[in-house]
Amino acid sequence: MPFVSTNGIRLSYQRSGRGEPVLLIMGSSAAGRVWTVHQTPALHQAGYETVVLDNRGIAPSDAPAGDYSFADLVADTRGVIEELELGPCRVVGTSMGAMIAQELALGQPHLVRSAVLMAGRARSDVLRRAQSAADRALRDSGVRLPPRYTAAKTVIEMLSPKTLNDDGAVASWLELFEVSGGGDTVPGQSTAVDELGDRRAELRGVTVPCRAIAFADDLICPPHLVAEVADAIPNCDFVQIPDCGHLGYLEQPEMVNSAIIEFLDKY
């Protein structure tokens, strides 16, 4: 896998397809290759080139010790765009990746042609702050939860009731998360999002076309927080995808891909 050296670290990336480039930014604790299950094939078919990167902390990208700043995550991604000469490019991000895309669109509009912001937010509410604090307390305690427990907790938090009520689907997801270690957090990334605070006022300065996509049953970033992003960014439209949780791009890939491509084709 090739690497880009930027902002003092090396970041791995995968570039494929032909056409105008789309940079896809994954959320916290997840590898960029997750995009290649459903999103990059659809984008290739639609005539786009895709660039998928592994954020700092995700192997084989570098994983510096200590907590990461959100500014560094944004600078890393900016460096990938600049080093690969992608800009101005279309950007798609989910969760933490959506928040990185928001900050890029705000601070570096010459690098971002348009942005699709999935399951992102402009602030943390009381419940999400409590969850982050609880996760930090668990991490700092040194307690290591069994993979089977972590897998079950992740499935409940990340998926929709429609999937949770399907025994066959749940069994497959449980096995996947237990074997892969999915749900484990990357310590350096875990505090980066919390440091941002409330960005609603700043996001009013975004000038590039944006679409905010919410997943109807998302417990991690519920639709009302995604709607706040759409309300804050001028002329940002809002799409809600039914029957999916925080991993909506995996639960309802056809609807998600259609919403992404329809917007990118416009802008």
C-alpha atoms as a PDB file:
ATOM      1  CA  MET A   1       0.000   0.000   0.000  1.00  0.00           C
ATOM      2  CA  PRO A   2       1.431   3.447  -0.889  1.00  0.00           C
ATOM      3  CA  PHE A   3       2.040   6.157   1.685  1.00  0.00           C
ATOM      4  CA  VAL A   4       1.923   9.936   1.841  1.00  0.00           C
ATOM      5  CA  SER A   5       4.327  11.724   4.171  1.00  0.00           C
ATOM      6  CA  THR A   6       2.656  14.796   5.620  1.00  0.00           C
ATOM      7  CA  ASN A   7       2.358  16.686   8.901  1.00  0.00           C
ATOM      8  CA  GLY A   8       5.258  14.695  10.347  1.00  0.00           C
ATOM      9  CA  ILE A   9       3.755  11.217   9.799  1.00  0.00           C
ATOM     10  CA  ARG A  10       3.105   8.650   7.068  1.00  0.00           C
ATOM     11  CA  LEU A  11      -0.469   7.911   5.997  1.00  0.00           C
ATOM     12  CA  SER A  12      -1.441   4.904   3.914  1.00  0.00           C
ATOM     13  CA  TYR A  13      -3.918   5.298   1.110  1.00  0.00           C
ATOM     14  CA  GLN A  14      -5.528   3.381  -1.729  1.00  0.00           C
ATOM     15  CA  ARG A  15      -6.231   5.032  -5.072  1.00  0.00           C
ATOM     16  CA  SER A  16      -8.414   3.325  -7.672  1.00  0.00           C
ATOM     17  CA  GLY A  17     -10.869   3.918 -10.486  1.00  0.00           C
ATOM     18  CA  ARG A  18     -10.887   6.539 -13.210  1.00  0.00           C
ATOM     19  CA  GLY A  19     -12.440   9.962 -13.358  1.00  0.00           C
ATOM     20  CA  GLU A  20     -12.571  13.016 -11.129  1.00  0.00           C
ATOM     21  CA  PRO A  21     -11.296  12.206  -7.617  1.00  0.00           C
ATOM     22  CA  VAL A  22     -13.392  11.583  -4.517  1.00  0.00           C
ATOM     23  CA  LEU A  23     -11.583  11.444  -1.158  1.00  0.00           C
ATOM     24  CA  LEU A  24     -13.303   9.238   1.435  1.00  0.00           C
ATOM     25  CA  ILE A  25     -12.555   9.865   5.130  1.00  0.00           C
ATOM     26  CA  MET A  26     -13.498   7.143   7.625  1.00  0.00           C
ATOM     27  CA  GLY A  27     -14.681   7.636  11.195  1.00  0.00           C
ATOM     28  CA  SER A  28     -12.763   6.958  14.383  1.00  0.00           C
ATOM     29  CA  SER A  29     -11.164   3.579  15.028  1.00  0.00           C
ATOM     30  CA  ALA A  30     -12.041   2.230  11.561  1.00  0.00           C
ATOM     31  CA  ALA A  31      -9.825   1.446   8.591  1.00  0.00           C
ATOM     32  CA  GLY A  32     -10.287   3.160   5.265  1.00  0.00           C
ATOM     33  CA  ARG A  33     -10.795  -0.198   3.565  1.00  0.00           C
ATOM     34  CA  VAL A  34     -14.325  -0.270   5.013  1.00  0.00           C
ATOM     35  CA  TRP A  35     -15.265   2.070   2.159  1.00  0.00           C
ATOM     36  CA  THR A  36     -14.256  -0.568  -0.381  1.00  0.00           C
ATOM     37  CA  VAL A  37     -17.076  -2.931   0.629  1.00  0.00           C
ATOM     38  CA  HIS A  38     -19.837  -0.839  -0.933  1.00  0.00           C
ATOM     39  CA  GLN A  39     -18.913   2.785  -1.616  1.00  0.00           C
ATOM     40  CA  THR A  40     -15.852   2.687  -3.868  1.00  0.00           C
ATOM     41  CA  PRO A  41     -17.363   0.135  -6.306  1.00  0.00           C
ATOM     42  CA  ALA A  42     -20.460   2.334  -6.678  1.00  0.00           C
ATOM     43  CA  LEU A  43     -18.367   5.458  -7.184  1.00  0.00           C
ATOM     44  CA  HIS A  44     -16.209   3.705  -9.793  1.00  0.00           C
ATOM     45  CA  GLN A  45     -19.327   2.617 -11.644  1.00  0.00           C
ATOM     46  CA  ALA A  46     -20.540   6.228 -11.523  1.00  0.00           C
ATOM     47  CA  GLY A  47     -17.322   7.375 -13.192  1.00  0.00           C
ATOM     48  CA  TYR A  48     -15.229   8.610 -10.268  1.00  0.00           C
ATOM     49  CA  GLU A  49     -11.730   7.871  -9.050  1.00  0.00           C
ATOM     50  CA  THR A  50     -11.562   7.166  -5.320  1.00  0.00           C
ATOM     51  CA  VAL A  51      -8.869   7.810  -2.730  1.00  0.00           C
ATOM     52  CA  VAL A  52      -9.292   6.036   0.598  1.00  0.00           C
ATOM     53  CA  LEU A  53      -6.927   6.782   3.476  1.00  0.00           C
ATOM     54  CA  ASP A  54      -6.211   5.357   6.903  1.00  0.00           C
ATOM     55  CA  ASN A  55      -6.307   8.117   9.496  1.00  0.00           C
ATOM     56  CA  ARG A  56      -3.416   8.429  11.940  1.00  0.00           C
ATOM     57  CA  GLY A  57      -3.662   5.673  14.510  1.00  0.00           C
ATOM     58  CA  ILE A  58      -4.966   3.112  12.004  1.00  0.00           C
ATOM     59  CA  ALA A  59      -2.404   0.637  10.655  1.00  0.00           C
ATOM     60  CA  PRO A  60      -0.520   0.728   8.397  1.00  0.00           C
ATOM     61  CA  SER A  61      -0.574   4.529   8.841  1.00  0.00           C
ATOM     62  CA  ASP A  62       1.609   5.831  11.646  1.00  0.00           C
ATOM     63  CA  ALA A  63       0.192   5.749  15.162  1.00  0.00           C
ATOM     64  CA  PRO A  64       2.008   8.359  17.266  1.00  0.00           C
ATOM     65  CA  ALA A  65       1.772   7.943  21.022  1.00  0.00           C
ATOM     66  CA  GLY A  66      -0.579  10.109  23.059  1.00  0.00           C
ATOM     67  CA  ASP A  67      -3.809  11.899  22.264  1.00  0.00           C
ATOM     68  CA  TYR A  68      -4.283  13.421  18.829  1.00  0.00           C
ATOM     69  CA  SER A  69      -5.522  16.934  18.230  1.00  0.00           C
ATOM     70  CA  PHE A  70      -8.359  17.468  15.809  1.00  0.00           C
ATOM     71  CA  ALA A  71      -6.219  20.095  14.092  1.00  0.00           C
ATOM     72  CA  ASP A  72      -3.680  17.373  13.312  1.00  0.00           C
ATOM     73  CA  LEU A  73      -6.352  15.083  11.858  1.00  0.00           C
ATOM     74  CA  VAL A  74      -7.490  17.908   9.586  1.00  0.00           C
ATOM     75  CA  ALA A  75      -3.908  18.794   8.648  1.00  0.00           C
ATOM     76  CA  ASP A  76      -3.202  15.141   7.832  1.00  0.00           C
ATOM     77  CA  THR A  77      -6.099  15.021   5.402  1.00  0.00           C
ATOM     78  CA  ARG A  78      -5.220  18.367   3.884  1.00  0.00           C
ATOM     79  CA  GLY A  79      -1.724  17.027   3.305  1.00  0.00           C
ATOM     80  CA  VAL A  80      -3.059  13.981   1.455  1.00  0.00           C
ATOM     81  CA  ILE A  81      -5.063  16.227  -0.882  1.00  0.00           C
ATOM     82  CA  GLU A  82      -2.064  18.453  -1.489  1.00  0.00           C
ATOM     83  CA  GLU A  83       0.545  15.708  -1.884  1.00  0.00           C
ATOM     84  CA  LEU A  84      -1.627  13.712  -4.301  1.00  0.00           C
ATOM     85  CA  GLU A  85      -2.678  16.917  -6.109  1.00  0.00           C
ATOM     86  CA  LEU A  86      -6.360  16.064  -5.757  1.00  0.00           C
ATOM     87  CA  GLY A  87      -7.744  19.509  -5.027  1.00  0.00           C
ATOM     88  CA  PRO A  88     -10.225  20.835  -5.446  1.00  0.00           C
ATOM     89  CA  CYS A  89     -11.828  17.429  -4.967  1.00  0.00           C
ATOM     90  CA  ARG A  90     -15.092  16.003  -3.804  1.00  0.00           C
ATOM     91  CA  VAL A  91     -14.940  14.740  -0.205  1.00  0.00           C
ATOM     92  CA  VAL A  92     -17.095  12.149   1.568  1.00  0.00           C
ATOM     93  CA  GLY A  93     -16.733  11.622   5.315  1.00  0.00           C
ATOM     94  CA  THR A  94     -18.572   9.699   7.977  1.00  0.00           C
ATOM     95  CA  SER A  95     -18.696  10.374  11.734  1.00  0.00           C
ATOM     96  CA  MET A  96     -15.275  11.769  12.685  1.00  0.00           C
ATOM     97  CA  GLY A  97     -14.476  11.801   8.973  1.00  0.00           C
ATOM     98  CA  ALA A  98     -17.470  14.055   8.333  1.00  0.00           C
ATOM     99  CA  MET A  99     -16.216  16.467  10.982  1.00  0.00           C
ATOM    100  CA  ILE A 100     -12.775  16.496   9.364  1.00  0.00           C
ATOM    101  CA  ALA A 101     -14.460  17.248   6.023  1.00  0.00           C
ATOM    102  CA  GLN A 102     -16.431  20.105   7.618  1.00  0.00           C
ATOM    103  CA  GLU A 103     -13.268  21.726   8.913  1.00  0.00           C
ATOM    104  CA  LEU A 104     -11.515  21.282   5.557  1.00  0.00           C
ATOM    105  CA  ALA A 105     -14.457  22.891   3.754  1.00  0.00           C
ATOM    106  CA  LEU A 106     -14.350  25.777   6.231  1.00  0.00           C
ATOM    107  CA  GLY A 107     -10.605  26.384   6.401  1.00  0.00           C
ATOM    108  CA  GLN A 108      -9.405  25.157   2.992  1.00  0.00           C
ATOM    109  CA  PRO A 109     -12.241  25.755   0.519  1.00  0.00           C
ATOM    110  CA  HIS A 110      -9.781  25.815  -2.398  1.00  0.00           C
ATOM    111  CA  LEU A 111      -9.143  22.107  -1.770  1.00  0.00           C
ATOM    112  CA  VAL A 112     -12.791  20.999  -1.457  1.00  0.00           C
ATOM    113  CA  ARG A 113     -15.127  21.090  -4.439  1.00  0.00           C
ATOM    114  CA  SER A 114     -18.090  19.687  -2.510  1.00  0.00           C
ATOM    115  CA  ALA A 115     -18.618  17.585   0.618  1.00  0.00           C
ATOM    116  CA  VAL A 116     -20.953  14.822   1.755  1.00  0.00           C
ATOM    117  CA  LEU A 117     -21.133  14.762   5.563  1.00  0.00           C
ATOM    118  CA  MET A 118     -22.558  11.517   6.945  1.00  0.00           C
ATOM    119  CA  ALA A 119     -23.382  10.994  10.608  1.00  0.00           C
ATOM    120  CA  GLY A 120     -21.405  14.078  11.597  1.00  0.00           C
ATOM    121  CA  ARG A 121     -22.187  16.791  14.082  1.00  0.00           C
ATOM    122  CA  ALA A 122     -21.323  20.354  14.993  1.00  0.00           C
ATOM    123  CA  ARG A 123     -21.387  19.754  18.765  1.00  0.00           C
ATOM    124  CA  SER A 124     -21.786  17.067  21.410  1.00  0.00           C
ATOM    125  CA  ASP A 125     -24.980  16.995  23.450  1.00  0.00           C
ATOM    126  CA  VAL A 126     -25.242  15.904  27.090  1.00  0.00           C
ATOM    127  CA  LEU A 127     -25.666  12.208  26.348  1.00  0.00           C
ATOM    128  CA  ARG A 128     -22.817  12.020  23.832  1.00  0.00           C
ATOM    129  CA  ARG A 129     -20.500  13.876  26.241  1.00  0.00           C
ATOM    130  CA  ALA A 130     -21.438  11.446  28.999  1.00  0.00           C
ATOM    131  CA  GLN A 131     -20.695   8.500  26.721  1.00  0.00           C
ATOM    132  CA  SER A 132     -17.290   9.932  25.780  1.00  0.00           C
ATOM    133  CA  ALA A 133     -16.453  10.504  29.439  1.00  0.00           C
ATOM    134  CA  ALA A 134     -17.494   6.949  30.292  1.00  0.00           C
ATOM    135  CA  ASP A 135     -15.355   5.557  27.462  1.00  0.00           C
ATOM    136  CA  ARG A 136     -12.353   7.551  28.697  1.00  0.00           C
ATOM    137  CA  ALA A 137     -12.897   6.333  32.261  1.00  0.00           C
ATOM    138  CA  LEU A 138     -12.960   2.734  31.081  1.00  0.00           C
ATOM    139  CA  ARG A 139      -9.840   3.220  28.992  1.00  0.00           C
ATOM    140  CA  ASP A 140      -7.971   4.928  31.831  1.00  0.00           C
ATOM    141  CA  SER A 141      -8.944   2.161  34.262  1.00  0.00           C
ATOM    142  CA  GLY A 142      -6.910  -0.335  32.272  1.00  0.00           C
ATOM    143  CA  VAL A 143      -9.794  -2.797  32.157  1.00  0.00           C
ATOM    144  CA  ARG A 144      -9.833  -4.866  28.952  1.00  0.00           C
ATOM    145  CA  LEU A 145     -13.312  -6.101  28.064  1.00  0.00           C
ATOM    146  CA  PRO A 146     -13.674  -9.560  26.472  1.00  0.00           C
ATOM    147  CA  PRO A 147     -14.070  -9.461  22.664  1.00  0.00           C
ATOM    148  CA  ARG A 148     -17.445 -11.188  22.881  1.00  0.00           C
ATOM    149  CA  TYR A 149     -18.775  -8.457  25.176  1.00  0.00           C
ATOM    150  CA  THR A 150     -17.324  -5.668  23.031  1.00  0.00           C
ATOM    151  CA  ALA A 151     -18.849  -7.208  19.906  1.00  0.00           C
ATOM    152  CA  ALA A 152     -22.331  -7.385  21.450  1.00  0.00           C
ATOM    153  CA  LYS A 153     -22.101  -3.817  22.783  1.00  0.00           C
ATOM    154  CA  THR A 154     -20.955  -2.523  19.399  1.00  0.00           C
ATOM    155  CA  VAL A 155     -23.740  -4.275  17.504  1.00  0.00           C
ATOM    156  CA  ILE A 156     -26.373  -2.797  19.830  1.00  0.00           C
ATOM    157  CA  GLU A 157     -24.897   0.713  19.544  1.00  0.00           C
ATOM    158  CA  MET A 158     -24.147   0.765  15.827  1.00  0.00           C
ATOM    159  CA  LEU A 159     -27.044  -0.986  14.086  1.00  0.00           C
ATOM    160  CA  SER A 160     -30.747  -0.362  13.561  1.00  0.00           C
ATOM    161  CA  PRO A 161     -33.666  -2.202  15.195  1.00  0.00           C
ATOM    162  CA  LYS A 162     -34.450  -3.696  11.798  1.00  0.00           C
ATOM    163  CA  THR A 163     -31.057  -5.407  11.741  1.00  0.00           C
ATOM    164  CA  LEU A 164     -31.086  -6.239  15.457  1.00  0.00           C
ATOM    165  CA  ASN A 165     -34.399  -8.075  15.043  1.00  0.00           C
ATOM    166  CA  ASP A 166     -32.995 -10.258  12.247  1.00  0.00           C
ATOM    167  CA  ASP A 167     -31.315 -13.227  13.946  1.00  0.00           C
ATOM    168  CA  GLY A 168     -29.299 -14.216  10.892  1.00  0.00           C
ATOM    169  CA  ALA A 169     -27.999 -10.713  10.296  1.00  0.00           C
ATOM    170  CA  VAL A 170     -27.138 -10.176  13.967  1.00  0.00           C
ATOM    171  CA  ALA A 171     -25.236 -13.468  14.139  1.00  0.00           C
ATOM    172  CA  SER A 172     -23.100 -12.394  11.179  1.00  0.00           C
ATOM    173  CA  TRP A 173     -22.403  -8.960  12.648  1.00  0.00           C
ATOM    174  CA  LEU A 174     -21.509 -10.416  16.058  1.00  0.00           C
ATOM    175  CA  GLU A 175     -19.036 -12.818  14.475  1.00  0.00           C
ATOM    176  CA  LEU A 176     -17.526 -10.069  12.355  1.00  0.00           C
ATOM    177  CA  PHE A 177     -16.950  -7.700  15.271  1.00  0.00           C
ATOM    178  CA  GLU A 178     -15.634 -10.403  17.591  1.00  0.00           C
ATOM    179  CA  VAL A 179     -13.106 -11.713  15.069  1.00  0.00           C
ATOM    180  CA  SER A 180     -12.010  -8.313  13.759  1.00  0.00           C
ATOM    181  CA  GLY A 181     -11.883  -6.508  17.082  1.00  0.00           C
ATOM    182  CA  GLY A 182     -14.374  -4.002  15.713  1.00  0.00           C
ATOM    183  CA  GLY A 183     -15.564  -1.628  18.394  1.00  0.00           C
ATOM    184  CA  ASP A 184     -12.129  -1.220  19.965  1.00  0.00           C
ATOM    185  CA  THR A 185     -11.229   2.448  20.160  1.00  0.00           C
ATOM    186  CA  VAL A 186      -7.981   4.020  19.001  1.00  0.00           C
ATOM    187  CA  PRO A 187      -6.783   5.875  22.125  1.00  0.00           C
ATOM    188  CA  GLY A 188      -5.179   8.760  20.265  1.00  0.00           C
ATOM    189  CA  GLN A 189      -8.339   9.497  18.276  1.00  0.00           C
ATOM    190  CA  SER A 190     -10.826   9.187  21.111  1.00  0.00           C
ATOM    191  CA  THR A 191     -10.360  12.679  22.553  1.00  0.00           C
ATOM    192  CA  ALA A 192      -9.871  14.576  19.295  1.00  0.00           C
ATOM    193  CA  VAL A 193     -13.558  15.098  18.509  1.00  0.00           C
ATOM    194  CA  ASP A 194     -14.421  16.203  22.055  1.00  0.00           C
ATOM    195  CA  GLU A 195     -11.973  19.102  21.950  1.00  0.00           C
ATOM    196  CA  LEU A 196     -13.858  20.871  19.138  1.00  0.00           C
ATOM    197  CA  GLY A 197     -16.736  22.152  21.248  1.00  0.00           C
ATOM    198  CA  ASP A 198     -19.673  23.817  19.501  1.00  0.00           C
ATOM    199  CA  ARG A 199     -18.828  24.655  15.878  1.00  0.00           C
ATOM    200  CA  ARG A 200     -22.259  25.809  14.688  1.00  0.00           C
ATOM    201  CA  ALA A 201     -21.338  29.486  14.472  1.00  0.00           C
ATOM    202  CA  GLU A 202     -18.094  28.765  12.620  1.00  0.00           C
ATOM    203  CA  LEU A 203     -19.780  26.442  10.127  1.00  0.00           C
ATOM    204  CA  ARG A 204     -21.863  29.352   8.887  1.00  0.00           C
ATOM    205  CA  GLY A 205     -18.674  30.386   7.090  1.00  0.00           C
ATOM    206  CA  VAL A 206     -18.566  27.273   4.867  1.00  0.00           C
ATOM    207  CA  THR A 207     -18.925  28.299   1.226  1.00  0.00           C
ATOM    208  CA  VAL A 208     -18.629  24.983  -0.678  1.00  0.00           C
ATOM    209  CA  PRO A 209     -21.716  22.863  -1.525  1.00  0.00           C
ATOM    210  CA  CYS A 210     -22.493  20.337   1.214  1.00  0.00           C
ATOM    211  CA  ARG A 211     -24.988  17.570   1.874  1.00  0.00           C
ATOM    212  CA  ALA A 212     -25.567  16.250   5.411  1.00  0.00           C
ATOM    213  CA  ILE A 213     -26.771  12.641   5.600  1.00  0.00           C
ATOM    214  CA  ALA A 214     -28.312  11.259   8.796  1.00  0.00           C
ATOM    215  CA  PHE A 215     -29.037   7.634   9.631  1.00  0.00           C
ATOM    216  CA  ALA A 216     -32.491   7.401  11.161  1.00  0.00           C
ATOM    217  CA  ASP A 217     -31.648   4.998  14.004  1.00  0.00           C
ATOM    218  CA  ASP A 218     -28.165   6.330  14.775  1.00  0.00           C
ATOM    219  CA  LEU A 219     -27.461   6.322  18.526  1.00  0.00           C
ATOM    220  CA  ILE A 220     -23.919   7.668  18.196  1.00  0.00           C
ATOM    221  CA  CYS A 221     -24.820  10.713  16.121  1.00  0.00           C
ATOM    222  CA  PRO A 222     -28.615  10.990  15.995  1.00  0.00           C
ATOM    223  CA  PRO A 223     -30.416  12.823  13.178  1.00  0.00           C
ATOM    224  CA  HIS A 224     -31.095  15.958  15.219  1.00  0.00           C
ATOM    225  CA  LEU A 225     -27.351  16.586  15.558  1.00  0.00           C
ATOM    226  CA  VAL A 226     -26.789  16.010  11.832  1.00  0.00           C
ATOM    227  CA  ALA A 227     -29.660  18.402  11.093  1.00  0.00           C
ATOM    228  CA  GLU A 228     -27.835  21.065  13.114  1.00  0.00           C
ATOM    229  CA  VAL A 229     -24.915  20.764  10.687  1.00  0.00           C
ATOM    230  CA  ALA A 230     -27.271  21.237   7.739  1.00  0.00           C
ATOM    231  CA  ASP A 231     -28.859  24.242   9.454  1.00  0.00           C
ATOM    232  CA  ALA A 232     -25.490  25.831  10.210  1.00  0.00           C
ATOM    233  CA  ILE A 233     -23.856  25.455   6.775  1.00  0.00           C
ATOM    234  CA  PRO A 234     -25.389  27.829   4.223  1.00  0.00           C
ATOM    235  CA  ASN A 235     -27.423  26.011   1.537  1.00  0.00           C
ATOM    236  CA  CYS A 236     -26.491  22.589   2.924  1.00  0.00           C
ATOM    237  CA  ASP A 237     -29.220  20.076   2.173  1.00  0.00           C
ATOM    238  CA  PHE A 238     -30.280  17.266   4.494  1.00  0.00           C
ATOM    239  CA  VAL A 239     -31.079  13.629   3.717  1.00  0.00           C
ATOM    240  CA  GLN A 240     -32.201  10.996   6.214  1.00  0.00           C
ATOM    241  CA  ILE A 241     -31.720   7.303   5.424  1.00  0.00           C
ATOM    242  CA  PRO A 242     -34.251   4.953   7.098  1.00  0.00           C
ATOM    243  CA  ASP A 243     -33.646   1.619   8.842  1.00  0.00           C
ATOM    244  CA  CYS A 244     -29.994   2.080   9.693  1.00  0.00           C
ATOM    245  CA  GLY A 245     -27.773   3.029  12.606  1.00  0.00           C
ATOM    246  CA  HIS A 246     -24.331   4.604  12.776  1.00  0.00           C
ATOM    247  CA  LEU A 247     -23.033   2.150  10.164  1.00  0.00           C
ATOM    248  CA  GLY A 248     -25.698   3.151   7.687  1.00  0.00           C
ATOM    249  CA  TYR A 249     -23.259   3.010   4.771  1.00  0.00           C
ATOM    250  CA  LEU A 250     -22.975  -0.744   5.490  1.00  0.00           C
ATOM    251  CA  GLU A 251     -26.585  -1.399   6.530  1.00  0.00           C
ATOM    252  CA  GLN A 252     -28.279   0.476   3.670  1.00  0.00           C
ATOM    253  CA  PRO A 253     -25.522   0.857   1.079  1.00  0.00           C
ATOM    254  CA  GLU A 254     -27.735   1.246  -1.973  1.00  0.00           C
ATOM    255  CA  MET A 255     -29.679   4.176  -0.511  1.00  0.00           C
ATOM    256  CA  VAL A 256     -26.539   5.756   0.915  1.00  0.00           C
ATOM    257  CA  ASN A 257     -24.616   5.384  -2.351  1.00  0.00           C
ATOM    258  CA  SER A 258     -27.494   6.889  -4.306  1.00  0.00           C
ATOM    259  CA  ALA A 259     -27.593   9.888  -1.970  1.00  0.00           C
ATOM    260  CA  ILE A 260     -23.811  10.361  -2.288  1.00  0.00           C
ATOM    261  CA  ILE A 261     -23.597  10.008  -6.054  1.00  0.00           C
ATOM    262  CA  GLU A 262     -26.680  12.098  -6.801  1.00  0.00           C
ATOM    263  CA  PHE A 263     -25.111  14.991  -4.883  1.00  0.00           C
ATOM    264  CA  LEU A 264     -21.600  14.578  -6.279  1.00  0.00           C
ATOM    265  CA  ASP A 265     -22.961  14.519  -9.825  1.00  0.00           C
ATOM    266  CA  LYS A 266     -24.530  17.945  -9.178  1.00  0.00           C
ATOM    267  CA  TYR A 267     -21.400  19.455  -7.667  1.00  0.00           C
END
